C-alpha atoms as a PDB file:
ATOM      1  CA  MET A   1       0.000   0.000   0.000  1.00  0.00           C
ATOM      2  CA  SER A   2       1.689   3.178  -1.158  1.00  0.00           C
ATOM      3  CA  ASP A   3      -0.847   5.717   0.141  1.00  0.00           C
ATOM      4  CA  SER A   4      -2.034   5.214   3.711  1.00  0.00           C
ATOM      5  CA  ARG A   5      -4.005   8.467   4.018  1.00  0.00           C
ATOM      6  CA  ASN A   6      -7.679   8.302   4.875  1.00  0.00           C
ATOM      7  CA  LEU A   7      -9.400  11.418   3.549  1.00  0.00           C
ATOM      8  CA  ALA A   8     -13.040  12.386   4.003  1.00  0.00           C
ATOM      9  CA  ALA A   9     -15.479  15.173   3.109  1.00  0.00           C
ATOM     10  CA  TRP A  10     -16.101  16.885   6.446  1.00  0.00           C
ATOM     11  CA  LEU A  11     -19.015  19.216   7.036  1.00  0.00           C
ATOM     12  CA  PRO A  12     -17.969  21.511   9.909  1.00  0.00           C
ATOM     13  CA  GLY A  13     -21.496  22.825  10.465  1.00  0.00           C
ATOM     14  CA  VAL A  14     -24.674  24.059   8.806  1.00  0.00           C
ATOM     15  CA  GLY A  15     -23.895  26.709   6.199  1.00  0.00           C
ATOM     16  CA  LYS A  16     -20.169  25.899   6.182  1.00  0.00           C
ATOM     17  CA  ALA A  17     -18.081  24.789   3.201  1.00  0.00           C
ATOM     18  CA  LEU A  18     -16.990  21.155   2.947  1.00  0.00           C
ATOM     19  CA  GLU A  19     -13.417  20.411   3.959  1.00  0.00           C
ATOM     20  CA  ILE A  20     -11.363  17.527   2.588  1.00  0.00           C
ATOM     21  CA  ARG A  21      -9.155  16.349   5.438  1.00  0.00           C
ATOM     22  CA  SER A  22      -7.920  13.329   7.327  1.00  0.00           C
ATOM     23  CA  ALA A  23     -10.305  10.983   9.086  1.00  0.00           C
ATOM     24  CA  PRO A  24      -9.710   8.061  11.449  1.00  0.00           C
ATOM     25  CA  ARG A  25      -8.851   4.864   9.607  1.00  0.00           C
ATOM     26  CA  PRO A  26     -10.809   1.887  10.913  1.00  0.00           C
ATOM     27  CA  THR A  27      -9.119  -1.427  11.616  1.00  0.00           C
ATOM     28  CA  PRO A  28     -11.130  -4.384  10.338  1.00  0.00           C
ATOM     29  CA  THR A  29     -11.893  -7.154  12.777  1.00  0.00           C
ATOM     30  CA  LYS A  30     -12.732 -10.776  12.057  1.00  0.00           C
ATOM     31  CA  GLY A  31     -15.397 -11.028   9.340  1.00  0.00           C
ATOM     32  CA  GLU A  32     -14.949  -7.384   8.204  1.00  0.00           C
ATOM     33  CA  LEU A  33     -13.241  -5.735   5.234  1.00  0.00           C
ATOM     34  CA  LEU A  34     -11.381  -2.463   4.862  1.00  0.00           C
ATOM     35  CA  ILE A  35     -12.227  -0.933   1.507  1.00  0.00           C
ATOM     36  CA  LYS A  36     -10.399   1.653  -0.562  1.00  0.00           C
ATOM     37  CA  VAL A  37     -12.817   4.336  -1.720  1.00  0.00           C
ATOM     38  CA  MET A  38     -11.875   5.853  -5.086  1.00  0.00           C
ATOM     39  CA  ALA A  39     -14.786   8.297  -5.494  1.00  0.00           C
ATOM     40  CA  VAL A  40     -17.570   9.622  -3.282  1.00  0.00           C
ATOM     41  CA  ALA A  41     -20.993  10.932  -4.275  1.00  0.00           C
ATOM     42  CA  VAL A  42     -22.639  13.679  -2.278  1.00  0.00           C
ATOM     43  CA  GLN A  43     -26.386  13.206  -2.502  1.00  0.00           C
ATOM     44  CA  PRO A  44     -29.017  15.978  -2.812  1.00  0.00           C
ATOM     45  CA  ALA A  45     -30.146  15.419   0.791  1.00  0.00           C
ATOM     46  CA  GLU A  46     -26.580  16.021   2.004  1.00  0.00           C
ATOM     47  CA  TYR A  47     -26.424  19.311   0.099  1.00  0.00           C
ATOM     48  CA  LYS A  48     -29.717  20.298   1.740  1.00  0.00           C
ATOM     49  CA  ILE A  49     -28.342  19.373   5.175  1.00  0.00           C
ATOM     50  CA  GLN A  50     -25.292  21.554   4.466  1.00  0.00           C
ATOM     51  CA  LYS A  51     -27.502  24.491   3.487  1.00  0.00           C
ATOM     52  CA  GLY A  52     -29.803  24.009   6.492  1.00  0.00           C
ATOM     53  CA  ILE A  53     -32.849  23.144   4.363  1.00  0.00           C
ATOM     54  CA  LEU A  54     -33.202  19.707   6.014  1.00  0.00           C
ATOM     55  CA  PRO A  55     -32.829  20.154   9.782  1.00  0.00           C
ATOM     56  CA  PHE A  56     -31.210  16.840  10.753  1.00  0.00           C
ATOM     57  CA  GLN A  57     -29.728  16.684  14.238  1.00  0.00           C
ATOM     58  CA  LEU A  58     -26.069  15.894  13.552  1.00  0.00           C
ATOM     59  CA  THR A  59     -22.970  16.224  15.669  1.00  0.00           C
ATOM     60  CA  TYR A  60     -20.540  18.524  13.872  1.00  0.00           C
ATOM     61  CA  PRO A  61     -18.076  18.162  12.380  1.00  0.00           C
ATOM     62  CA  THR A  62     -19.496  15.182  10.491  1.00  0.00           C
ATOM     63  CA  ILE A  63     -18.457  13.181   7.432  1.00  0.00           C
ATOM     64  CA  ILE A  64     -20.822  13.228   4.462  1.00  0.00           C
ATOM     65  CA  GLY A  65     -20.810  11.319   1.181  1.00  0.00           C
ATOM     66  CA  ARG A  66     -21.687   7.738   2.063  1.00  0.00           C
ATOM     67  CA  GLU A  67     -22.229   6.342  -1.439  1.00  0.00           C
ATOM     68  CA  TYR A  68     -19.217   5.025  -3.286  1.00  0.00           C
ATOM     69  CA  PRO A  69     -17.951   2.245  -5.552  1.00  0.00           C
ATOM     70  CA  VAL A  70     -15.615  -0.192  -3.809  1.00  0.00           C
ATOM     71  CA  SER A  71     -12.767  -2.586  -4.497  1.00  0.00           C
ATOM     72  CA  PRO A  72     -10.960  -4.911  -2.052  1.00  0.00           C
ATOM     73  CA  PHE A  73      -8.150  -3.074  -0.239  1.00  0.00           C
ATOM     74  CA  SER A  74      -7.084  -5.134   2.752  1.00  0.00           C
ATOM     75  CA  ALA A  75      -8.825  -8.094   4.293  1.00  0.00           C
ATOM     76  CA  GLU A  76      -8.264 -11.022   6.548  1.00  0.00           C
ATOM     77  CA  LYS A  77      -9.874 -14.334   5.638  1.00  0.00           C
ATOM     78  CA  CYS A  78     -13.611 -14.045   6.313  1.00  0.00           C
ATOM     79  CA  ASN A  79     -15.814 -16.882   7.519  1.00  0.00           C
ATOM     80  CA  SER A  80     -18.280 -17.973   4.858  1.00  0.00           C
END
């Protein structure tokens, strides 16, 4: 693995601009996979949350953009 950074689209608060910055990198446990995300889609609802149009109760800062294509990155043998 040549690039060990874990970047995310952070929303610091309602009405604030997105920030691309580091995020905690999870460690997979037995039966889990760690995936390498190549692209992230921000959905219309997330844009509306950012603008304050949809008043979801979130703890800020928060990571948005939860839809993405995946490919295996690192995995231990999983039970089938």
